Amino acid sequence: MAGDYYVILQLDDGPDAGAIVELSDSNNVVSSATRMQVRQADLVVQQVRVLRATPPIEEVDHVFLGEPARFEALVANVGGAVAPDVIVSFYLSENETLFAAGDPRIGQVIAGDFGPGESRWVELPSAVVP
């Protein structure tokens, strides 16, 4: 979970806590002097485009069943850490809600790593519309 944290160390802990006989157990816990920032990735799709799969490559508002089309998504990592091995899946749906069990997947792209603040177009160059 992203946020600012102290690192805390405890001695003589675990299933046998207190098994070591010490002069004092009151000095067995210490925290770092400063807080440490824990960051995580946060991927967002900023834009989706559907284009003709063949020249002239241009944005379209309709496609034909059984014919190829080109699909693109502008993906961004708005978080503070690298998002490794990002995979982008493209689906067709009758509404704005993904139902992965019923909406047909058009294709998938291995987009690689996205660094903090990085955004780029991820392209599925040609996929047949089911």
N, C-alpha and C. Protein backbone atom coordinates (compact mmCIF):
# COMPACT_ATOMS: atom_id res chain seq x y z
N MET A 1 0.85 -1.16 0.00
CA MET A 1 0.00 0.00 0.00
C MET A 1 0.91 1.24 0.00
N ALA A 2 0.68 2.14 -0.94
CA ALA A 2 1.51 3.33 -1.06
C ALA A 2 1.27 4.27 0.12
N GLY A 3 2.31 4.99 0.49
CA GLY A 3 2.20 5.95 1.58
C GLY A 3 3.55 6.16 2.24
N ASP A 4 3.55 6.88 3.34
CA ASP A 4 4.77 7.15 4.10
C ASP A 4 4.77 6.29 5.36
N TYR A 5 5.87 5.60 5.59
CA TYR A 5 5.94 4.65 6.70
C TYR A 5 7.26 4.76 7.46
N TYR A 6 7.21 4.41 8.72
CA TYR A 6 8.41 4.17 9.52
C TYR A 6 8.74 2.69 9.41
N VAL A 7 10.00 2.35 9.48
CA VAL A 7 10.42 0.96 9.56
C VAL A 7 10.62 0.65 11.04
N ILE A 8 9.96 -0.41 11.51
CA ILE A 8 10.05 -0.78 12.92
C ILE A 8 10.68 -2.16 13.02
N LEU A 9 11.62 -2.29 13.92
CA LEU A 9 12.32 -3.55 14.15
C LEU A 9 12.01 -4.03 15.55
N GLN A 10 11.70 -5.33 15.65
CA GLN A 10 11.46 -5.92 16.96
C GLN A 10 12.37 -7.13 17.12
N LEU A 11 13.07 -7.19 18.23
CA LEU A 11 13.94 -8.32 18.56
C LEU A 11 13.18 -9.31 19.43
N ASP A 12 13.67 -10.55 19.42
CA ASP A 12 13.09 -11.60 20.27
C ASP A 12 11.59 -11.71 20.01
N ASP A 13 11.23 -11.84 18.71
CA ASP A 13 9.84 -11.87 18.28
C ASP A 13 9.54 -13.23 17.66
N GLY A 14 8.35 -13.45 17.21
CA GLY A 14 7.98 -14.67 16.52
C GLY A 14 7.30 -15.65 17.44
N PRO A 15 7.26 -16.92 17.00
CA PRO A 15 6.53 -17.92 17.78
C PRO A 15 7.10 -18.16 19.18
N ASP A 16 8.41 -17.90 19.34
CA ASP A 16 9.04 -18.09 20.65
C ASP A 16 9.38 -16.74 21.28
N ALA A 17 8.53 -15.74 21.08
CA ALA A 17 8.79 -14.40 21.61
C ALA A 17 9.05 -14.47 23.11
N GLY A 18 10.08 -13.78 23.54
CA GLY A 18 10.42 -13.74 24.95
C GLY A 18 11.23 -14.95 25.41
N ALA A 19 11.63 -15.82 24.46
CA ALA A 19 12.38 -17.02 24.83
C ALA A 19 13.78 -16.69 25.31
N ILE A 20 14.31 -15.55 24.88
CA ILE A 20 15.64 -15.15 25.33
C ILE A 20 15.48 -14.36 26.62
N VAL A 21 16.13 -14.83 27.65
CA VAL A 21 16.07 -14.14 28.94
C VAL A 21 17.02 -12.96 28.85
N GLU A 22 16.46 -11.77 29.02
CA GLU A 22 17.26 -10.55 28.89
C GLU A 22 17.16 -9.73 30.18
N LEU A 23 18.12 -8.84 30.31
CA LEU A 23 18.10 -7.91 31.42
C LEU A 23 16.86 -7.02 31.31
N SER A 24 16.55 -6.60 30.04
CA SER A 24 15.38 -5.74 29.82
C SER A 24 14.81 -6.03 28.43
N ASP A 25 13.51 -6.24 28.35
CA ASP A 25 12.82 -6.40 27.07
C ASP A 25 12.31 -5.05 26.54
N SER A 26 12.43 -4.01 27.33
CA SER A 26 11.88 -2.70 26.96
C SER A 26 12.67 -2.03 25.84
N ASN A 27 13.84 -2.55 25.50
CA ASN A 27 14.65 -1.93 24.44
C ASN A 27 14.67 -2.80 23.18
N ASN A 28 13.69 -3.68 23.01
CA ASN A 28 13.67 -4.60 21.88
C ASN A 28 12.91 -4.08 20.66
N VAL A 29 12.33 -2.91 20.76
CA VAL A 29 11.62 -2.34 19.61
C VAL A 29 12.18 -0.95 19.33
N VAL A 30 12.50 -0.72 18.06
CA VAL A 30 13.02 0.58 17.64
C VAL A 30 12.44 0.91 16.27
N SER A 31 12.23 2.19 16.01
CA SER A 31 11.74 2.61 14.69
C SER A 31 12.78 3.50 14.02
N SER A 32 12.68 3.57 12.69
CA SER A 32 13.58 4.43 11.93
C SER A 32 13.37 5.88 12.34
N ALA A 33 14.39 6.68 12.18
CA ALA A 33 14.31 8.09 12.57
C ALA A 33 13.43 8.89 11.62
N THR A 34 13.34 8.44 10.38
CA THR A 34 12.54 9.17 9.39
C THR A 34 11.57 8.21 8.70
N ARG A 35 10.60 8.81 8.06
CA ARG A 35 9.62 8.03 7.33
C ARG A 35 10.15 7.70 5.94
N MET A 36 9.73 6.57 5.42
CA MET A 36 10.13 6.12 4.09
C MET A 36 8.88 6.14 3.21
N GLN A 37 9.05 6.59 1.97
CA GLN A 37 7.91 6.64 1.06
C GLN A 37 7.84 5.32 0.28
N VAL A 38 6.69 4.69 0.32
CA VAL A 38 6.43 3.47 -0.45
C VAL A 38 5.56 3.87 -1.63
N ARG A 39 6.03 3.53 -2.83
CA ARG A 39 5.32 3.93 -4.04
C ARG A 39 4.78 2.71 -4.77
N GLN A 40 3.76 2.93 -5.59
CA GLN A 40 3.25 1.86 -6.42
C GLN A 40 2.78 2.42 -7.76
N ALA A 41 2.68 1.54 -8.72
CA ALA A 41 2.22 1.93 -10.05
C ALA A 41 0.71 2.16 -10.04
N ASP A 42 0.23 2.95 -10.99
CA ASP A 42 -1.21 3.16 -11.18
C ASP A 42 -1.45 3.38 -12.67
N LEU A 43 -1.90 2.34 -13.35
CA LEU A 43 -2.12 2.41 -14.79
C LEU A 43 -3.51 2.93 -15.11
N VAL A 44 -3.59 3.78 -16.13
CA VAL A 44 -4.88 4.29 -16.61
C VAL A 44 -4.86 4.29 -18.14
N VAL A 45 -6.04 4.07 -18.72
CA VAL A 45 -6.21 4.22 -20.16
C VAL A 45 -6.77 5.62 -20.38
N GLN A 46 -6.04 6.44 -21.11
CA GLN A 46 -6.45 7.82 -21.30
C GLN A 46 -7.27 8.03 -22.57
N GLN A 47 -7.09 7.15 -23.54
CA GLN A 47 -7.82 7.30 -24.80
C GLN A 47 -7.81 5.97 -25.54
N VAL A 48 -8.88 5.72 -26.31
CA VAL A 48 -8.96 4.53 -27.16
C VAL A 48 -9.33 4.99 -28.57
N ARG A 49 -8.64 4.38 -29.56
CA ARG A 49 -8.95 4.71 -30.96
C ARG A 49 -9.14 3.42 -31.74
N VAL A 50 -10.06 3.49 -32.72
CA VAL A 50 -10.27 2.41 -33.68
C VAL A 50 -9.96 3.00 -35.05
N LEU A 51 -9.08 2.30 -35.79
CA LEU A 51 -8.62 2.80 -37.08
C LEU A 51 -8.75 1.73 -38.15
N ARG A 52 -8.68 2.17 -39.39
CA ARG A 52 -8.61 1.21 -40.49
C ARG A 52 -7.31 0.44 -40.36
N ALA A 53 -7.34 -0.84 -40.70
CA ALA A 53 -6.14 -1.67 -40.60
C ALA A 53 -5.24 -1.52 -41.81
N THR A 54 -5.79 -0.99 -42.90
CA THR A 54 -5.02 -0.83 -44.13
C THR A 54 -5.00 0.64 -44.54
N PRO A 55 -4.00 1.03 -45.31
CA PRO A 55 -3.93 2.44 -45.73
C PRO A 55 -5.17 2.85 -46.51
N PRO A 56 -5.61 4.05 -46.36
CA PRO A 56 -5.07 5.05 -45.44
C PRO A 56 -5.48 4.75 -43.99
N ILE A 57 -4.50 4.72 -43.10
CA ILE A 57 -4.76 4.47 -41.68
C ILE A 57 -5.41 5.72 -41.10
N GLU A 58 -6.67 5.63 -40.78
CA GLU A 58 -7.40 6.77 -40.24
C GLU A 58 -8.43 6.28 -39.24
N GLU A 59 -8.81 7.15 -38.33
CA GLU A 59 -9.79 6.80 -37.30
C GLU A 59 -11.15 6.59 -37.96
N VAL A 60 -11.88 5.57 -37.48
CA VAL A 60 -13.20 5.25 -38.02
C VAL A 60 -14.22 5.17 -36.90
N ASP A 61 -15.49 5.29 -37.27
CA ASP A 61 -16.56 5.16 -36.27
C ASP A 61 -17.36 3.89 -36.49
N HIS A 62 -16.92 3.04 -37.44
CA HIS A 62 -17.59 1.76 -37.66
C HIS A 62 -16.57 0.77 -38.24
N VAL A 63 -16.82 -0.50 -37.98
CA VAL A 63 -16.01 -1.59 -38.53
C VAL A 63 -16.96 -2.68 -38.99
N PHE A 64 -16.45 -3.62 -39.78
CA PHE A 64 -17.29 -4.69 -40.32
C PHE A 64 -16.90 -6.02 -39.70
N LEU A 65 -17.91 -6.82 -39.31
CA LEU A 65 -17.66 -8.14 -38.75
C LEU A 65 -16.84 -8.98 -39.72
N GLY A 66 -15.86 -9.69 -39.17
CA GLY A 66 -15.02 -10.57 -39.98
C GLY A 66 -13.91 -9.86 -40.71
N GLU A 67 -13.82 -8.54 -40.58
CA GLU A 67 -12.75 -7.80 -41.27
C GLU A 67 -11.78 -7.22 -40.25
N PRO A 68 -10.54 -6.98 -40.67
CA PRO A 68 -9.54 -6.45 -39.74
C PRO A 68 -9.74 -4.97 -39.43
N ALA A 69 -9.33 -4.61 -38.24
CA ALA A 69 -9.30 -3.21 -37.81
C ALA A 69 -8.07 -3.04 -36.94
N ARG A 70 -7.69 -1.81 -36.72
CA ARG A 70 -6.54 -1.48 -35.88
C ARG A 70 -7.09 -0.83 -34.60
N PHE A 71 -6.57 -1.27 -33.46
CA PHE A 71 -7.04 -0.75 -32.17
C PHE A 71 -5.85 -0.18 -31.42
N GLU A 72 -6.03 0.99 -30.80
CA GLU A 72 -4.96 1.65 -30.07
C GLU A 72 -5.48 2.19 -28.74
N ALA A 73 -4.61 2.17 -27.74
CA ALA A 73 -4.96 2.72 -26.43
C ALA A 73 -3.79 3.56 -25.93
N LEU A 74 -4.08 4.74 -25.45
CA LEU A 74 -3.07 5.57 -24.81
C LEU A 74 -3.06 5.20 -23.34
N VAL A 75 -1.98 4.52 -22.92
CA VAL A 75 -1.86 4.01 -21.56
C VAL A 75 -0.84 4.85 -20.81
N ALA A 76 -1.14 5.18 -19.56
CA ALA A 76 -0.23 5.98 -18.74
C ALA A 76 -0.07 5.35 -17.36
N ASN A 77 1.12 5.51 -16.81
CA ASN A 77 1.38 5.12 -15.43
C ASN A 77 1.42 6.41 -14.63
N VAL A 78 0.35 6.70 -13.91
CA VAL A 78 0.27 7.93 -13.13
C VAL A 78 0.76 7.72 -11.69
N GLY A 79 1.26 6.52 -11.41
CA GLY A 79 1.77 6.20 -10.08
C GLY A 79 3.24 6.55 -9.95
N GLY A 80 3.81 6.19 -8.81
CA GLY A 80 5.19 6.56 -8.50
C GLY A 80 6.19 5.44 -8.62
N ALA A 81 5.79 4.28 -9.20
CA ALA A 81 6.71 3.16 -9.34
C ALA A 81 6.53 2.54 -10.72
N VAL A 82 7.51 1.76 -11.13
CA VAL A 82 7.46 1.08 -12.42
C VAL A 82 6.34 0.04 -12.42
N ALA A 83 5.59 0.00 -13.52
CA ALA A 83 4.60 -1.06 -13.74
C ALA A 83 5.25 -2.06 -14.69
N PRO A 84 5.68 -3.21 -14.18
CA PRO A 84 6.41 -4.16 -15.03
C PRO A 84 5.48 -5.06 -15.85
N ASP A 85 5.97 -5.43 -17.02
CA ASP A 85 5.30 -6.47 -17.84
C ASP A 85 3.82 -6.21 -18.05
N VAL A 86 3.48 -5.01 -18.50
CA VAL A 86 2.08 -4.64 -18.71
C VAL A 86 1.52 -5.36 -19.94
N ILE A 87 0.34 -5.94 -19.78
CA ILE A 87 -0.38 -6.59 -20.88
C ILE A 87 -1.69 -5.83 -21.06
N VAL A 88 -1.98 -5.44 -22.30
CA VAL A 88 -3.21 -4.71 -22.60
C VAL A 88 -4.09 -5.63 -23.44
N SER A 89 -5.31 -5.87 -22.97
CA SER A 89 -6.28 -6.71 -23.69
C SER A 89 -7.38 -5.82 -24.23
N PHE A 90 -7.76 -6.07 -25.48
CA PHE A 90 -8.81 -5.32 -26.15
C PHE A 90 -10.05 -6.21 -26.28
N TYR A 91 -11.21 -5.71 -25.90
CA TYR A 91 -12.47 -6.46 -25.95
C TYR A 91 -13.52 -5.67 -26.72
N LEU A 92 -14.52 -6.36 -27.22
CA LEU A 92 -15.73 -5.73 -27.74
C LEU A 92 -16.82 -5.91 -26.69
N SER A 93 -17.62 -4.88 -26.46
CA SER A 93 -18.70 -4.98 -25.49
C SER A 93 -19.90 -4.18 -25.96
N GLU A 94 -21.07 -4.63 -25.59
CA GLU A 94 -22.30 -3.91 -25.94
C GLU A 94 -22.53 -2.71 -25.03
N ASN A 95 -21.74 -2.60 -23.94
CA ASN A 95 -21.88 -1.46 -23.04
C ASN A 95 -20.49 -1.06 -22.54
N GLU A 96 -20.42 -0.14 -21.59
CA GLU A 96 -19.14 0.38 -21.12
C GLU A 96 -18.54 -0.43 -19.96
N THR A 97 -19.14 -1.59 -19.66
CA THR A 97 -18.66 -2.42 -18.57
C THR A 97 -18.08 -3.71 -19.12
N LEU A 98 -16.85 -4.04 -18.72
CA LEU A 98 -16.23 -5.27 -19.18
C LEU A 98 -16.86 -6.47 -18.49
N PHE A 99 -17.29 -7.42 -19.28
CA PHE A 99 -17.77 -8.72 -18.80
C PHE A 99 -16.87 -9.75 -19.49
N ALA A 100 -15.71 -10.01 -18.89
CA ALA A 100 -14.67 -10.81 -19.52
C ALA A 100 -15.15 -12.21 -19.89
N ALA A 101 -16.13 -12.73 -19.16
CA ALA A 101 -16.62 -14.08 -19.48
C ALA A 101 -17.51 -14.08 -20.71
N GLY A 102 -18.06 -12.92 -21.08
CA GLY A 102 -18.99 -12.88 -22.20
C GLY A 102 -18.58 -11.96 -23.34
N ASP A 103 -17.81 -10.92 -23.05
CA ASP A 103 -17.36 -10.00 -24.09
C ASP A 103 -16.19 -10.63 -24.84
N PRO A 104 -16.26 -10.70 -26.17
CA PRO A 104 -15.17 -11.32 -26.92
C PRO A 104 -13.89 -10.48 -26.88
N ARG A 105 -12.78 -11.17 -26.62
CA ARG A 105 -11.49 -10.48 -26.65
C ARG A 105 -11.02 -10.40 -28.09
N ILE A 106 -10.66 -9.20 -28.51
CA ILE A 106 -10.19 -8.96 -29.87
C ILE A 106 -8.72 -9.35 -29.99
N GLY A 107 -7.96 -9.03 -28.97
CA GLY A 107 -6.54 -9.32 -29.00
C GLY A 107 -5.86 -8.81 -27.75
N GLN A 108 -4.57 -9.09 -27.68
CA GLN A 108 -3.78 -8.75 -26.50
C GLN A 108 -2.40 -8.29 -26.96
N VAL A 109 -1.85 -7.30 -26.26
CA VAL A 109 -0.53 -6.77 -26.58
C VAL A 109 0.33 -6.77 -25.32
N ILE A 110 1.54 -7.29 -25.44
CA ILE A 110 2.51 -7.19 -24.35
C ILE A 110 3.19 -5.85 -24.51
N ALA A 111 2.87 -4.92 -23.63
CA ALA A 111 3.32 -3.54 -23.77
C ALA A 111 4.64 -3.26 -23.05
N GLY A 112 5.11 -4.20 -22.23
CA GLY A 112 6.37 -4.00 -21.52
C GLY A 112 6.19 -3.17 -20.26
N ASP A 113 7.29 -2.57 -19.81
CA ASP A 113 7.29 -1.79 -18.57
C ASP A 113 6.86 -0.34 -18.84
N PHE A 114 6.18 0.24 -17.85
CA PHE A 114 5.83 1.66 -17.88
C PHE A 114 6.45 2.30 -16.64
N GLY A 115 7.34 3.25 -16.85
CA GLY A 115 7.94 3.96 -15.74
C GLY A 115 6.97 4.98 -15.15
N PRO A 116 7.28 5.50 -13.96
CA PRO A 116 6.43 6.53 -13.36
C PRO A 116 6.29 7.73 -14.29
N GLY A 117 5.07 8.15 -14.54
CA GLY A 117 4.81 9.31 -15.40
C GLY A 117 4.86 9.01 -16.89
N GLU A 118 5.17 7.80 -17.27
CA GLU A 118 5.29 7.46 -18.69
C GLU A 118 3.93 7.17 -19.29
N SER A 119 3.72 7.63 -20.52
CA SER A 119 2.52 7.29 -21.27
C SER A 119 2.92 7.04 -22.72
N ARG A 120 2.21 6.12 -23.37
CA ARG A 120 2.48 5.84 -24.78
C ARG A 120 1.31 5.08 -25.38
N TRP A 121 1.24 5.14 -26.70
CA TRP A 121 0.21 4.41 -27.42
C TRP A 121 0.59 2.94 -27.48
N VAL A 122 -0.36 2.07 -27.17
CA VAL A 122 -0.22 0.64 -27.29
C VAL A 122 -1.10 0.23 -28.47
N GLU A 123 -0.50 -0.45 -29.45
CA GLU A 123 -1.21 -0.72 -30.70
C GLU A 123 -1.44 -2.21 -30.92
N LEU A 124 -2.66 -2.54 -31.31
CA LEU A 124 -3.01 -3.85 -31.82
C LEU A 124 -3.19 -3.60 -33.32
N PRO A 125 -2.12 -3.81 -34.13
CA PRO A 125 -2.10 -3.32 -35.50
C PRO A 125 -3.19 -3.89 -36.41
N SER A 126 -3.56 -5.13 -36.19
CA SER A 126 -4.59 -5.71 -37.04
C SER A 126 -5.24 -6.88 -36.30
N ALA A 127 -6.54 -6.77 -36.12
CA ALA A 127 -7.30 -7.84 -35.48
C ALA A 127 -8.63 -7.97 -36.19
N VAL A 128 -9.06 -9.19 -36.41
CA VAL A 128 -10.35 -9.43 -37.07
C VAL A 128 -11.46 -9.21 -36.07
N VAL A 129 -12.43 -8.42 -36.45
CA VAL A 129 -13.57 -8.13 -35.58
C VAL A 129 -14.46 -9.37 -35.56
N PRO A 130 -14.66 -9.97 -34.38
CA PRO A 130 -15.43 -11.23 -34.32
C PRO A 130 -16.91 -11.02 -34.61
